[in-house]
Amino acid sequence: MRLKSGIWVAAYVRRCNVEGAFAAVRRRGADEAGAIFIKVNRLDGTGTLYGPAPQAAFDEARPAERLFSAILGGKDPAPDADIEARLAREIKFDPDIWIVEMEDRAGRNFLDGAVV
């Protein structure tokens, strides 16, 4: 059974804050199962956007885990304007998404192995 999106987001924000990085919910989505997007803002006009991993990344050994993939800025940080444009497209496609923005100059994401 997968953890509800609202509970997962609350735990993630708390984890970021405990690690000394500021994180906040920019957009509340569907509490039960809304898709979660995480923007890591490097505070220099660039960042990385993480979103739900494609279904091919899941396996039967870990069916309930939440996995993410870098959508923009995977190897090199992407400009904030590109990230915001992508988020606007995602909102048009699915208005029930969650957006969490986290600020960290080093670009840490605190996703603990959930990035594929």
Protein backbone atom coordinates (compact mmCIF):
# COMPACT_ATOMS: atom_id res chain seq x y z
CA MET A 1 0.00 0.00 0.00
CA ARG A 2 1.42 3.35 -1.04
CA LEU A 3 1.62 6.27 1.40
CA LYS A 4 -0.84 9.08 0.64
CA SER A 5 0.69 12.02 -1.22
CA GLY A 6 -0.16 14.51 1.53
CA ILE A 7 1.60 12.45 4.20
CA TRP A 8 4.64 11.81 1.96
CA VAL A 9 4.99 15.53 1.17
CA ALA A 10 4.74 16.53 4.84
CA ALA A 11 7.47 14.05 5.76
CA TYR A 12 9.68 15.20 2.87
CA VAL A 13 9.37 18.89 3.83
CA ARG A 14 10.23 18.03 7.44
CA ARG A 15 13.26 15.99 6.31
CA CYS A 16 14.58 18.88 4.20
CA ASN A 17 14.14 21.34 7.06
CA VAL A 18 15.91 18.99 9.50
CA GLU A 19 18.86 18.81 7.07
CA GLY A 20 19.08 22.63 7.07
CA ALA A 21 17.47 23.24 3.68
CA PHE A 22 14.31 25.30 3.34
CA ALA A 23 11.39 23.46 1.73
CA ALA A 24 7.80 24.52 1.21
CA VAL A 25 4.70 23.27 -0.54
CA ARG A 26 4.01 25.59 -3.49
CA ARG A 27 0.93 23.75 -4.68
CA ARG A 28 -1.30 21.26 -2.89
CA GLY A 29 -2.58 18.47 -5.06
CA ALA A 30 -4.90 15.57 -4.50
CA ASP A 31 -4.32 14.35 -0.96
CA GLU A 32 -4.83 10.68 -1.77
CA ALA A 33 -2.71 10.13 -4.86
CA GLY A 34 -1.65 13.38 -6.55
CA ALA A 35 1.60 13.28 -8.53
CA ILE A 36 4.50 14.97 -6.73
CA PHE A 37 7.05 17.25 -8.41
CA ILE A 38 10.09 18.51 -6.52
CA LYS A 39 12.00 21.60 -7.60
CA VAL A 40 15.48 21.93 -6.14
CA ASN A 41 16.32 25.64 -6.38
CA ARG A 42 20.06 26.33 -6.28
CA LEU A 43 19.44 30.05 -5.56
CA ASP A 44 21.51 31.11 -8.59
CA GLY A 45 18.77 31.07 -11.22
CA THR A 46 19.12 27.33 -11.88
CA GLY A 47 17.79 24.13 -10.42
CA THR A 48 16.61 20.58 -10.96
CA LEU A 49 13.08 19.30 -11.38
CA TYR A 50 12.18 15.79 -10.21
CA GLY A 51 8.90 14.11 -11.09
CA PRO A 52 7.31 10.68 -10.91
CA ALA A 53 9.48 7.99 -12.48
CA PRO A 54 8.16 6.20 -15.56
CA GLN A 55 6.29 2.96 -14.92
CA ALA A 56 9.18 1.00 -16.43
CA ALA A 57 11.32 1.95 -13.40
CA PHE A 58 9.10 0.00 -11.00
CA ASP A 59 9.51 -3.68 -10.26
CA GLU A 60 7.51 -6.26 -8.36
CA ALA A 61 9.98 -6.24 -5.47
CA ARG A 62 9.17 -2.59 -4.65
CA PRO A 63 5.63 -1.96 -5.97
CA ALA A 64 4.58 0.57 -3.33
CA GLU A 65 7.64 2.80 -3.30
CA ARG A 66 7.55 6.32 -4.67
CA LEU A 67 10.30 6.76 -7.27
CA PHE A 68 11.43 9.94 -9.00
CA SER A 69 13.44 10.83 -12.07
CA ALA A 70 15.15 14.07 -13.03
CA ILE A 71 12.96 15.75 -15.62
CA LEU A 72 15.12 18.87 -16.07
CA GLY A 73 18.62 19.58 -14.84
CA GLY A 74 19.70 15.99 -14.28
CA LYS A 75 23.43 16.40 -14.95
CA ASP A 76 23.68 20.16 -15.28
CA PRO A 77 21.23 22.50 -13.54
CA ALA A 78 18.47 23.89 -15.77
CA PRO A 79 17.38 27.55 -15.90
CA ASP A 80 14.49 28.43 -13.57
CA ALA A 81 12.44 29.68 -16.53
CA ASP A 82 12.58 26.23 -18.16
CA ILE A 83 11.55 24.55 -14.91
CA GLU A 84 8.63 26.93 -14.39
CA ALA A 85 7.46 26.44 -17.99
CA ARG A 86 7.50 22.66 -17.51
CA LEU A 87 5.55 22.95 -14.25
CA ALA A 88 2.94 25.13 -15.98
CA ARG A 89 2.50 22.43 -18.66
CA GLU A 90 2.17 19.74 -15.98
CA ILE A 91 -0.53 21.76 -14.18
CA LYS A 92 -2.50 22.13 -17.43
CA PHE A 93 -2.24 18.38 -17.99
CA ASP A 94 -3.10 17.41 -14.39
CA PRO A 95 -4.36 20.10 -11.99
CA ASP A 96 -4.07 17.72 -9.00
CA ILE A 97 -0.24 17.73 -8.82
CA TRP A 98 1.82 18.66 -5.80
CA ILE A 99 4.77 21.03 -6.19
CA VAL A 100 7.40 21.15 -3.45
CA GLU A 101 10.22 23.67 -3.78
CA MET A 102 13.39 23.11 -1.84
CA GLU A 103 16.33 25.55 -1.67
CA ASP A 104 19.84 24.16 -1.51
CA ARG A 105 22.91 25.76 -3.10
CA ALA A 106 24.61 22.36 -3.40
CA GLY A 107 21.62 20.87 -5.21
CA ARG A 108 20.97 18.06 -2.71
CA ASN A 109 17.55 16.47 -3.12
CA PHE A 110 17.15 14.31 0.05
CA LEU A 111 15.27 11.64 -1.91
CA ASP A 112 17.44 8.86 -0.46
CA GLY A 113 17.85 6.49 -3.37
CA ALA A 114 14.36 7.10 -4.79
CA VAL A 115 15.81 8.66 -7.96
CA VAL A 116 16.09 6.39 -10.98
